[in-house]
PDB file of all heavy atoms in Angstrom:
ATOM      1  N   ASP A   1       0.815  -1.224   0.000  1.00  0.00           N
ATOM      2  CA  ASP A   1       0.000   0.000   0.000  1.00  0.00           C
ATOM      3  C   ASP A   1       0.847   1.272   0.000  1.00  0.00           C
ATOM      4  O   ASP A   1       0.449   2.289  -0.575  1.00  0.00           O
ATOM      5  CB  ASP A   1      -0.933   0.013   1.217  1.00  0.00           C
ATOM      6  CG  ASP A   1      -2.085  -0.975   1.083  1.00  0.00           C
ATOM      7  OD1 ASP A   1      -2.318  -1.448  -0.044  1.00  0.00           O
ATOM      8  OD2 ASP A   1      -2.735  -1.270   2.107  1.00  0.00           O
ATOM      9  N   MET A   2       2.021   1.225   0.648  1.00  0.00           N
ATOM     10  CA  MET A   2       2.790   2.464   0.788  1.00  0.00           C
ATOM     11  C   MET A   2       3.890   2.612  -0.255  1.00  0.00           C
ATOM     12  O   MET A   2       4.649   3.582  -0.217  1.00  0.00           O
ATOM     13  CB  MET A   2       3.392   2.548   2.189  1.00  0.00           C
ATOM     14  CG  MET A   2       4.536   1.604   2.458  1.00  0.00           C
ATOM     15  SD  MET A   2       5.138   1.790   4.169  1.00  0.00           S
ATOM     16  CE  MET A   2       6.575   0.720   4.118  1.00  0.00           C
ATOM     17  N   LEU A   3       3.974   1.694  -1.226  1.00  0.00           N
ATOM     18  CA  LEU A   3       5.058   1.759  -2.207  1.00  0.00           C
ATOM     19  C   LEU A   3       5.107   3.075  -2.991  1.00  0.00           C
ATOM     20  O   LEU A   3       6.211   3.577  -3.271  1.00  0.00           O
ATOM     21  CB  LEU A   3       4.981   0.574  -3.166  1.00  0.00           C
ATOM     22  CG  LEU A   3       5.660  -0.708  -2.664  1.00  0.00           C
ATOM     23  CD1 LEU A   3       5.456  -1.852  -3.641  1.00  0.00           C
ATOM     24  CD2 LEU A   3       7.153  -0.463  -2.432  1.00  0.00           C
ATOM     25  N   PRO A   4       3.986   3.687  -3.360  1.00  0.00           N
ATOM     26  CA  PRO A   4       4.099   4.993  -4.029  1.00  0.00           C
ATOM     27  C   PRO A   4       4.811   6.028  -3.162  1.00  0.00           C
ATOM     28  O   PRO A   4       5.618   6.817  -3.675  1.00  0.00           O
ATOM     29  CB  PRO A   4       2.635   5.376  -4.278  1.00  0.00           C
ATOM     30  CG  PRO A   4       1.915   4.065  -4.378  1.00  0.00           C
ATOM     31  CD  PRO A   4       2.592   3.193  -3.361  1.00  0.00           C
ATOM     32  N   ASP A   5       4.533   6.033  -1.857  1.00  0.00           N
ATOM     33  CA  ASP A   5       5.233   6.940  -0.942  1.00  0.00           C
ATOM     34  C   ASP A   5       6.696   6.559  -0.805  1.00  0.00           C
ATOM     35  O   ASP A   5       7.579   7.426  -0.738  1.00  0.00           O
ATOM     36  CB  ASP A   5       4.569   6.929   0.438  1.00  0.00           C
ATOM     37  CG  ASP A   5       3.279   7.732   0.463  1.00  0.00           C
ATOM     38  OD1 ASP A   5       3.207   8.741  -0.251  1.00  0.00           O
ATOM     39  OD2 ASP A   5       2.356   7.342   1.188  1.00  0.00           O
ATOM     40  N   VAL A   6       6.965   5.262  -0.741  1.00  0.00           N
ATOM     41  CA  VAL A   6       8.352   4.806  -0.637  1.00  0.00           C
ATOM     42  C   VAL A   6       9.156   5.304  -1.826  1.00  0.00           C
ATOM     43  O   VAL A   6      10.266   5.834  -1.679  1.00  0.00           O
ATOM     44  CB  VAL A   6       8.418   3.263  -0.552  1.00  0.00           C
ATOM     45  CG1 VAL A   6       9.851   2.779  -0.712  1.00  0.00           C
ATOM     46  CG2 VAL A   6       7.863   2.777   0.784  1.00  0.00           C
ATOM     47  N   ALA A   7       8.589   5.154  -3.029  1.00  0.00           N
ATOM     48  CA  ALA A   7       9.305   5.575  -4.241  1.00  0.00           C
ATOM     49  C   ALA A   7       9.652   7.061  -4.185  1.00  0.00           C
ATOM     50  O   ALA A   7      10.711   7.483  -4.663  1.00  0.00           O
ATOM     51  CB  ALA A   7       8.455   5.267  -5.475  1.00  0.00           C
ATOM     52  N   ASP A   8       8.774   7.864  -3.577  1.00  0.00           N
ATOM     53  CA  ASP A   8       9.032   9.308  -3.480  1.00  0.00           C
ATOM     54  C   ASP A   8      10.155   9.634  -2.498  1.00  0.00           C
ATOM     55  O   ASP A   8      10.697  10.740  -2.526  1.00  0.00           O
ATOM     56  CB  ASP A   8       7.765  10.041  -3.039  1.00  0.00           C
ATOM     57  CG  ASP A   8       6.706  10.090  -4.124  1.00  0.00           C
ATOM     58  OD1 ASP A   8       7.070   9.909  -5.306  1.00  0.00           O
ATOM     59  OD2 ASP A   8       5.527  10.294  -3.795  1.00  0.00           O
ATOM     60  N   HIS A   9      10.482   8.688  -1.618  1.00  0.00           N
ATOM     61  CA  HIS A   9      11.477   8.961  -0.585  1.00  0.00           C
ATOM     62  C   HIS A   9      12.776   8.182  -0.769  1.00  0.00           C
ATOM     63  O   HIS A   9      13.682   8.296   0.056  1.00  0.00           O
ATOM     64  CB  HIS A   9      10.885   8.658   0.800  1.00  0.00           C
ATOM     65  CG  HIS A   9       9.850   9.667   1.220  1.00  0.00           C
ATOM     66  ND1 HIS A   9       8.560   9.637   0.755  1.00  0.00           N
ATOM     67  CD2 HIS A   9       9.931  10.744   2.041  1.00  0.00           C
ATOM     68  CE1 HIS A   9       7.879  10.642   1.285  1.00  0.00           C
ATOM     69  NE2 HIS A   9       8.690  11.327   2.061  1.00  0.00           N
ATOM     70  N   VAL A  10      12.864   7.405  -1.846  1.00  0.00           N
ATOM     71  CA  VAL A  10      14.123   6.747  -2.206  1.00  0.00           C
ATOM     72  C   VAL A  10      14.739   7.521  -3.364  1.00  0.00           C
ATOM     73  O   VAL A  10      14.098   7.719  -4.404  1.00  0.00           O
ATOM     74  CB  VAL A  10      13.900   5.282  -2.629  1.00  0.00           C
ATOM     75  CG1 VAL A  10      15.221   4.635  -3.012  1.00  0.00           C
ATOM     76  CG2 VAL A  10      13.221   4.495  -1.523  1.00  0.00           C
ATOM     77  N   LYS A  11      15.954   7.967  -3.201  1.00  0.00           N
ATOM     78  CA  LYS A  11      16.620   8.701  -4.278  1.00  0.00           C
ATOM     79  C   LYS A  11      16.799   7.804  -5.502  1.00  0.00           C
ATOM     80  O   LYS A  11      16.929   6.576  -5.365  1.00  0.00           O
ATOM     81  CB  LYS A  11      17.979   9.213  -3.800  1.00  0.00           C
ATOM     82  CG  LYS A  11      17.879  10.289  -2.731  1.00  0.00           C
ATOM     83  CD  LYS A  11      19.257  10.784  -2.308  1.00  0.00           C
ATOM     84  CE  LYS A  11      19.134  11.895  -1.268  1.00  0.00           C
ATOM     85  NZ  LYS A  11      20.461  12.407  -0.832  1.00  0.00           N
ATOM     86  N   PRO A  12      16.795   8.376  -6.720  1.00  0.00           N
ATOM     87  CA  PRO A  12      17.048   7.558  -7.915  1.00  0.00           C
ATOM     88  C   PRO A  12      18.338   6.752  -7.756  1.00  0.00           C
ATOM     89  O   PRO A  12      19.380   7.285  -7.376  1.00  0.00           O
ATOM     90  CB  PRO A  12      17.174   8.606  -9.031  1.00  0.00           C
ATOM     91  CG  PRO A  12      16.345   9.750  -8.541  1.00  0.00           C
ATOM     92  CD  PRO A  12      16.548   9.784  -7.050  1.00  0.00           C
ATOM     93  N   GLY A  13      18.233   5.457  -7.993  1.00  0.00           N
ATOM     94  CA  GLY A  13      19.369   4.567  -7.799  1.00  0.00           C
ATOM     95  C   GLY A  13      19.520   4.086  -6.359  1.00  0.00           C
ATOM     96  O   GLY A  13      20.393   3.263  -6.070  1.00  0.00           O
ATOM     97  N   GLY A  14      18.651   4.591  -5.475  1.00  0.00           N
ATOM     98  CA  GLY A  14      18.723   4.208  -4.064  1.00  0.00           C
ATOM     99  C   GLY A  14      18.089   2.849  -3.802  1.00  0.00           C
ATOM    100  O   GLY A  14      17.491   2.220  -4.694  1.00  0.00           O
ATOM    101  N   ILE A  15      18.227   2.402  -2.571  1.00  0.00           N
ATOM    102  CA  ILE A  15      17.844   1.043  -2.185  1.00  0.00           C
ATOM    103  C   ILE A  15      16.657   1.061  -1.231  1.00  0.00           C
ATOM    104  O   ILE A  15      16.605   1.866  -0.292  1.00  0.00           O
ATOM    105  CB  ILE A  15      19.024   0.319  -1.490  1.00  0.00           C
ATOM    106  CG1 ILE A  15      20.255   0.317  -2.395  1.00  0.00           C
ATOM    107  CG2 ILE A  15      18.618  -1.101  -1.088  1.00  0.00           C
ATOM    108  CD1 ILE A  15      20.069  -0.445  -3.694  1.00  0.00           C
ATOM    109  N   TYR A  16      15.710   0.162  -1.478  1.00  0.00           N
ATOM    110  CA  TYR A  16      14.611  -0.080  -0.543  1.00  0.00           C
ATOM    111  C   TYR A  16      14.753  -1.497   0.001  1.00  0.00           C
ATOM    112  O   TYR A  16      14.831  -2.464  -0.765  1.00  0.00           O
ATOM    113  CB  TYR A  16      13.261   0.093  -1.228  1.00  0.00           C
ATOM    114  CG  TYR A  16      12.084  -0.231  -0.324  1.00  0.00           C
ATOM    115  CD1 TYR A  16      12.008   0.273   0.974  1.00  0.00           C
ATOM    116  CD2 TYR A  16      11.048  -1.045  -0.778  1.00  0.00           C
ATOM    117  CE1 TYR A  16      10.935  -0.033   1.794  1.00  0.00           C
ATOM    118  CE2 TYR A  16       9.967  -1.341   0.029  1.00  0.00           C
ATOM    119  CZ  TYR A  16       9.913  -0.835   1.317  1.00  0.00           C
ATOM    120  OH  TYR A  16       8.848  -1.140   2.130  1.00  0.00           O
ATOM    121  N   ILE A  17      14.806  -1.600   1.329  1.00  0.00           N
ATOM    122  CA  ILE A  17      14.906  -2.885   2.019  1.00  0.00           C
ATOM    123  C   ILE A  17      13.588  -3.115   2.755  1.00  0.00           C
ATOM    124  O   ILE A  17      13.140  -2.258   3.522  1.00  0.00           O
ATOM    125  CB  ILE A  17      16.077  -2.886   3.012  1.00  0.00           C
ATOM    126  CG1 ILE A  17      17.405  -2.689   2.277  1.00  0.00           C
ATOM    127  CG2 ILE A  17      16.096  -4.177   3.836  1.00  0.00           C
ATOM    128  CD1 ILE A  17      18.566  -2.345   3.197  1.00  0.00           C
ATOM    129  N   ALA A  18      12.973  -4.261   2.517  1.00  0.00           N
ATOM    130  CA  ALA A  18      11.677  -4.553   3.134  1.00  0.00           C
ATOM    131  C   ALA A  18      11.681  -5.940   3.739  1.00  0.00           C
ATOM    132  O   ALA A  18      12.217  -6.891   3.159  1.00  0.00           O
ATOM    133  CB  ALA A  18      10.554  -4.432   2.112  1.00  0.00           C
ATOM    134  N   SER A  19      11.058  -6.066   4.910  1.00  0.00           N
ATOM    135  CA  SER A  19      10.926  -7.367   5.546  1.00  0.00           C
ATOM    136  C   SER A  19       9.611  -7.386   6.326  1.00  0.00           C
ATOM    137  O   SER A  19       8.796  -6.478   6.213  1.00  0.00           O
ATOM    138  CB  SER A  19      12.118  -7.651   6.459  1.00  0.00           C
ATOM    139  OG  SER A  19      12.112  -9.008   6.866  1.00  0.00           O
ATOM    140  N   GLY A  20       9.405  -8.464   7.119  1.00  0.00           N
ATOM    141  CA  GLY A  20       8.115  -8.676   7.750  1.00  0.00           C
ATOM    142  C   GLY A  20       7.148  -9.330   6.781  1.00  0.00           C
ATOM    143  O   GLY A  20       5.931  -9.277   6.954  1.00  0.00           O
ATOM    144  N   ILE A  21       7.684  -9.954   5.739  1.00  0.00           N
ATOM    145  CA  ILE A  21       6.883 -10.511   4.652  1.00  0.00           C
ATOM    146  C   ILE A  21       6.761 -12.026   4.825  1.00  0.00           C
ATOM    147  O   ILE A  21       7.771 -12.738   4.807  1.00  0.00           O
ATOM    148  CB  ILE A  21       7.540 -10.205   3.286  1.00  0.00           C
ATOM    149  CG1 ILE A  21       7.773  -8.702   3.115  1.00  0.00           C
ATOM    150  CG2 ILE A  21       6.688 -10.759   2.148  1.00  0.00           C
ATOM    151  CD1 ILE A  21       8.717  -8.372   1.964  1.00  0.00           C
ATOM    152  N   LEU A  22       5.547 -12.515   5.010  1.00  0.00           N
ATOM    153  CA  LEU A  22       5.360 -13.968   5.014  1.00  0.00           C
ATOM    154  C   LEU A  22       5.791 -14.522   3.658  1.00  0.00           C
ATOM    155  O   LEU A  22       5.507 -13.928   2.616  1.00  0.00           O
ATOM    156  CB  LEU A  22       3.899 -14.319   5.291  1.00  0.00           C
ATOM    157  CG  LEU A  22       3.435 -14.130   6.735  1.00  0.00           C
ATOM    158  CD1 LEU A  22       1.917 -14.200   6.820  1.00  0.00           C
ATOM    159  CD2 LEU A  22       4.069 -15.172   7.642  1.00  0.00           C
ATOM    160  N   LYS A  23       6.481 -15.661   3.670  1.00  0.00           N
ATOM    161  CA  LYS A  23       7.106 -16.146   2.443  1.00  0.00           C
ATOM    162  C   LYS A  23       6.098 -16.382   1.316  1.00  0.00           C
ATOM    163  O   LYS A  23       6.424 -16.196   0.140  1.00  0.00           O
ATOM    164  CB  LYS A  23       7.906 -17.418   2.717  1.00  0.00           C
ATOM    165  CG  LYS A  23       7.089 -18.606   3.219  1.00  0.00           C
ATOM    166  CD  LYS A  23       8.003 -19.779   3.525  1.00  0.00           C
ATOM    167  CE  LYS A  23       7.224 -20.992   4.049  1.00  0.00           C
ATOM    168  NZ  LYS A  23       8.130 -22.117   4.382  1.00  0.00           N
ATOM    169  N   GLU A  24       4.844 -16.738   1.671  1.00  0.00           N
ATOM    170  CA  GLU A  24       3.854 -16.967   0.620  1.00  0.00           C
ATOM    171  C   GLU A  24       3.368 -15.656  -0.015  1.00  0.00           C
ATOM    172  O   GLU A  24       2.704 -15.682  -1.058  1.00  0.00           O
ATOM    173  CB  GLU A  24       2.652 -17.747   1.162  1.00  0.00           C
ATOM    174  CG  GLU A  24       1.934 -17.120   2.332  1.00  0.00           C
ATOM    175  CD  GLU A  24       2.432 -17.648   3.673  1.00  0.00           C
ATOM    176  OE1 GLU A  24       3.609 -18.058   3.747  1.00  0.00           O
ATOM    177  OE2 GLU A  24       1.638 -17.659   4.621  1.00  0.00           O
ATOM    178  N   LYS A  25       3.732 -14.510   0.596  1.00  0.00           N
ATOM    179  CA  LYS A  25       3.332 -13.211   0.038  1.00  0.00           C
ATOM    180  C   LYS A  25       4.500 -12.489  -0.646  1.00  0.00           C
ATOM    181  O   LYS A  25       4.347 -11.366  -1.121  1.00  0.00           O
ATOM    182  CB  LYS A  25       2.748 -12.329   1.134  1.00  0.00           C
ATOM    183  CG  LYS A  25       1.479 -12.913   1.748  1.00  0.00           C
ATOM    184  CD  LYS A  25       0.921 -12.031   2.842  1.00  0.00           C
ATOM    185  CE  LYS A  25      -0.341 -12.656   3.442  1.00  0.00           C
ATOM    186  NZ  LYS A  25      -0.912 -11.827   4.532  1.00  0.00           N
ATOM    187  N   LEU A  26       5.652 -13.148  -0.693  1.00  0.00           N
ATOM    188  CA  LEU A  26       6.835 -12.508  -1.260  1.00  0.00           C
ATOM    189  C   LEU A  26       6.628 -12.138  -2.720  1.00  0.00           C
ATOM    190  O   LEU A  26       6.993 -11.037  -3.157  1.00  0.00           O
ATOM    191  CB  LEU A  26       8.048 -13.440  -1.113  1.00  0.00           C
ATOM    192  CG  LEU A  26       9.366 -12.935  -1.712  1.00  0.00           C
ATOM    193  CD1 LEU A  26       9.799 -11.627  -1.055  1.00  0.00           C
ATOM    194  CD2 LEU A  26      10.459 -14.002  -1.558  1.00  0.00           C
ATOM    195  N   THR A  27       6.033 -13.031  -3.506  1.00  0.00           N
ATOM    196  CA  THR A  27       5.813 -12.755  -4.927  1.00  0.00           C
ATOM    197  C   THR A  27       4.926 -11.534  -5.115  1.00  0.00           C
ATOM    198  O   THR A  27       5.163 -10.718  -6.017  1.00  0.00           O
ATOM    199  CB  THR A  27       5.189 -13.978  -5.622  1.00  0.00           C
ATOM    200  OG1 THR A  27       6.074 -15.104  -5.491  1.00  0.00           O
ATOM    201  CG2 THR A  27       4.969 -13.705  -7.108  1.00  0.00           C
ATOM    202  N   ASP A  28       3.907 -11.381  -4.276  1.00  0.00           N
ATOM    203  CA  ASP A  28       3.017 -10.217  -4.374  1.00  0.00           C
ATOM    204  C   ASP A  28       3.801  -8.920  -4.170  1.00  0.00           C
ATOM    205  O   ASP A  28       3.598  -7.935  -4.896  1.00  0.00           O
ATOM    206  CB  ASP A  28       1.901 -10.302  -3.331  1.00  0.00           C
ATOM    207  CG  ASP A  28       0.965 -11.470  -3.559  1.00  0.00           C
ATOM    208  OD1 ASP A  28       0.894 -11.952  -4.707  1.00  0.00           O
ATOM    209  OD2 ASP A  28       0.304 -11.897  -2.600  1.00  0.00           O
ATOM    210  N   VAL A  29       4.699  -8.910  -3.187  1.00  0.00           N
ATOM    211  CA  VAL A  29       5.492  -7.715  -2.918  1.00  0.00           C
ATOM    212  C   VAL A  29       6.456  -7.449  -4.067  1.00  0.00           C
ATOM    213  O   VAL A  29       6.626  -6.292  -4.504  1.00  0.00           O
ATOM    214  CB  VAL A  29       6.258  -7.854  -1.588  1.00  0.00           C
ATOM    215  CG1 VAL A  29       7.135  -6.626  -1.344  1.00  0.00           C
ATOM    216  CG2 VAL A  29       5.286  -8.031  -0.426  1.00  0.00           C
ATOM    217  N   GLU A  30       7.074  -8.500  -4.598  1.00  0.00           N
ATOM    218  CA  GLU A  30       8.016  -8.326  -5.710  1.00  0.00           C
ATOM    219  C   GLU A  30       7.317  -7.724  -6.934  1.00  0.00           C
ATOM    220  O   GLU A  30       7.858  -6.818  -7.595  1.00  0.00           O
ATOM    221  CB  GLU A  30       8.650  -9.668  -6.063  1.00  0.00           C
ATOM    222  CG  GLU A  30       9.603 -10.190  -5.002  1.00  0.00           C
ATOM    223  CD  GLU A  30      10.112 -11.585  -5.307  1.00  0.00           C
ATOM    224  OE1 GLU A  30       9.529 -12.260  -6.183  1.00  0.00           O
ATOM    225  OE2 GLU A  30      11.100 -11.996  -4.673  1.00  0.00           O
ATOM    226  N   GLU A  31       6.108  -8.199  -7.233  1.00  0.00           N
ATOM    227  CA  GLU A  31       5.367  -7.664  -8.381  1.00  0.00           C
ATOM    228  C   GLU A  31       4.986  -6.209  -8.160  1.00  0.00           C
ATOM    229  O   GLU A  31       5.053  -5.384  -9.077  1.00  0.00           O
ATOM    230  CB  GLU A  31       4.115  -8.514  -8.634  1.00  0.00           C
ATOM    231  CG  GLU A  31       4.393  -9.904  -9.159  1.00  0.00           C
ATOM    232  CD  GLU A  31       5.177  -9.879 -10.468  1.00  0.00           C
ATOM    233  OE1 GLU A  31       4.827  -9.059 -11.354  1.00  0.00           O
ATOM    234  OE2 GLU A  31       6.136 -10.657 -10.616  1.00  0.00           O
ATOM    235  N   ALA A  32       4.584  -5.882  -6.923  1.00  0.00           N
ATOM    236  CA  ALA A  32       4.223  -4.494  -6.611  1.00  0.00           C
ATOM    237  C   ALA A  32       5.434  -3.578  -6.720  1.00  0.00           C
ATOM    238  O   ALA A  32       5.321  -2.433  -7.176  1.00  0.00           O
ATOM    239  CB  ALA A  32       3.622  -4.420  -5.206  1.00  0.00           C
ATOM    240  N   LEU A  33       6.597  -4.052  -6.327  1.00  0.00           N
ATOM    241  CA  LEU A  33       7.822  -3.262  -6.442  1.00  0.00           C
ATOM    242  C   LEU A  33       8.136  -2.934  -7.904  1.00  0.00           C
ATOM    243  O   LEU A  33       8.480  -1.795  -8.241  1.00  0.00           O
ATOM    244  CB  LEU A  33       8.998  -4.018  -5.815  1.00  0.00           C
ATOM    245  CG  LEU A  33       9.146  -3.906  -4.308  1.00  0.00           C
ATOM    246  CD1 LEU A  33      10.102  -4.978  -3.797  1.00  0.00           C
ATOM    247  CD2 LEU A  33       9.659  -2.520  -3.925  1.00  0.00           C
ATOM    248  N   LYS A  34       8.011  -3.920  -8.767  1.00  0.00           N
ATOM    249  CA  LYS A  34       8.274  -3.686 -10.186  1.00  0.00           C
ATOM    250  C   LYS A  34       7.330  -2.618 -10.736  1.00  0.00           C
ATOM    251  O   LYS A  34       7.740  -1.744 -11.513  1.00  0.00           O
ATOM    252  CB  LYS A  34       8.123  -4.988 -10.974  1.00  0.00           C
ATOM    253  CG  LYS A  34       9.166  -6.035 -10.621  1.00  0.00           C
ATOM    254  CD  LYS A  34       8.874  -7.359 -11.328  1.00  0.00           C
ATOM    255  CE  LYS A  34       9.846  -8.441 -10.883  1.00  0.00           C
ATOM    256  NZ  LYS A  34       9.518  -9.769 -11.478  1.00  0.00           N
ATOM    257  N   GLY A  35       6.063  -2.682 -10.321  1.00  0.00           N
ATOM    258  CA  GLY A  35       5.086  -1.705 -10.775  1.00  0.00           C
ATOM    259  C   GLY A  35       5.341  -0.307 -10.239  1.00  0.00           C
ATOM    260  O   GLY A  35       4.852   0.680 -10.811  1.00  0.00           O
ATOM    261  N   ALA A  36       6.088  -0.209  -9.140  1.00  0.00           N
ATOM    262  CA  ALA A  36       6.380   1.091  -8.524  1.00  0.00           C
ATOM    263  C   ALA A  36       7.728   1.648  -8.965  1.00  0.00           C
ATOM    264  O   ALA A  36       8.185   2.653  -8.418  1.00  0.00           O
ATOM    265  CB  ALA A  36       6.338   0.959  -7.002  1.00  0.00           C
ATOM    266  N   GLY A  37       8.381   0.999  -9.930  1.00  0.00           N
ATOM    267  CA  GLY A  37       9.629   1.537 -10.462  1.00  0.00           C
ATOM    268  C   GLY A  37      10.881   1.023  -9.786  1.00  0.00           C
ATOM    269  O   GLY A  37      11.917   1.702  -9.796  1.00  0.00           O
ATOM    270  N   PHE A  38      10.808  -0.178  -9.210  1.00  0.00           N
ATOM    271  CA  PHE A  38      11.975  -0.765  -8.552  1.00  0.00           C
ATOM    272  C   PHE A  38      12.444  -2.010  -9.290  1.00  0.00           C
ATOM    273  O   PHE A  38      11.649  -2.750  -9.890  1.00  0.00           O
ATOM    274  CB  PHE A  38      11.639  -1.156  -7.108  1.00  0.00           C
ATOM    275  CG  PHE A  38      11.504   0.011  -6.166  1.00  0.00           C
ATOM    276  CD1 PHE A  38      10.276   0.632  -5.985  1.00  0.00           C
ATOM    277  CD2 PHE A  38      12.600   0.485  -5.466  1.00  0.00           C
ATOM    278  CE1 PHE A  38      10.140   1.707  -5.115  1.00  0.00           C
ATOM    279  CE2 PHE A  38      12.480   1.558  -4.595  1.00  0.00           C
ATOM    280  CZ  PHE A  38      11.243   2.169  -4.419  1.00  0.00           C
ATOM    281  N   GLU A  39      13.739  -2.240  -9.208  1.00  0.00           N
ATOM    282  CA  GLU A  39      14.363  -3.464  -9.731  1.00  0.00           C
ATOM    283  C   GLU A  39      14.768  -4.336  -8.543  1.00  0.00           C
ATOM    284  O   GLU A  39      15.488  -3.889  -7.649  1.00  0.00           O
ATOM    285  CB  GLU A  39      15.596  -3.095 -10.545  1.00  0.00           C
ATOM    286  CG  GLU A  39      16.453  -4.286 -10.963  1.00  0.00           C
ATOM    287  CD  GLU A  39      17.827  -3.860 -11.457  1.00  0.00           C
ATOM    288  OE1 GLU A  39      18.185  -2.676 -11.296  1.00  0.00           O
ATOM    289  OE2 GLU A  39      18.548  -4.730 -11.966  1.00  0.00           O
TER     290      GLU A  39
END
């Protein structure tokens, strides 16, 4: 839910580290990251 805000606060080329993710939800987070402009 907060990835649009995260993207605004990570400098271009900067790193976002995320945890607290149940392993069965990891793919959902990875897909959302790609949609928010992260590699």
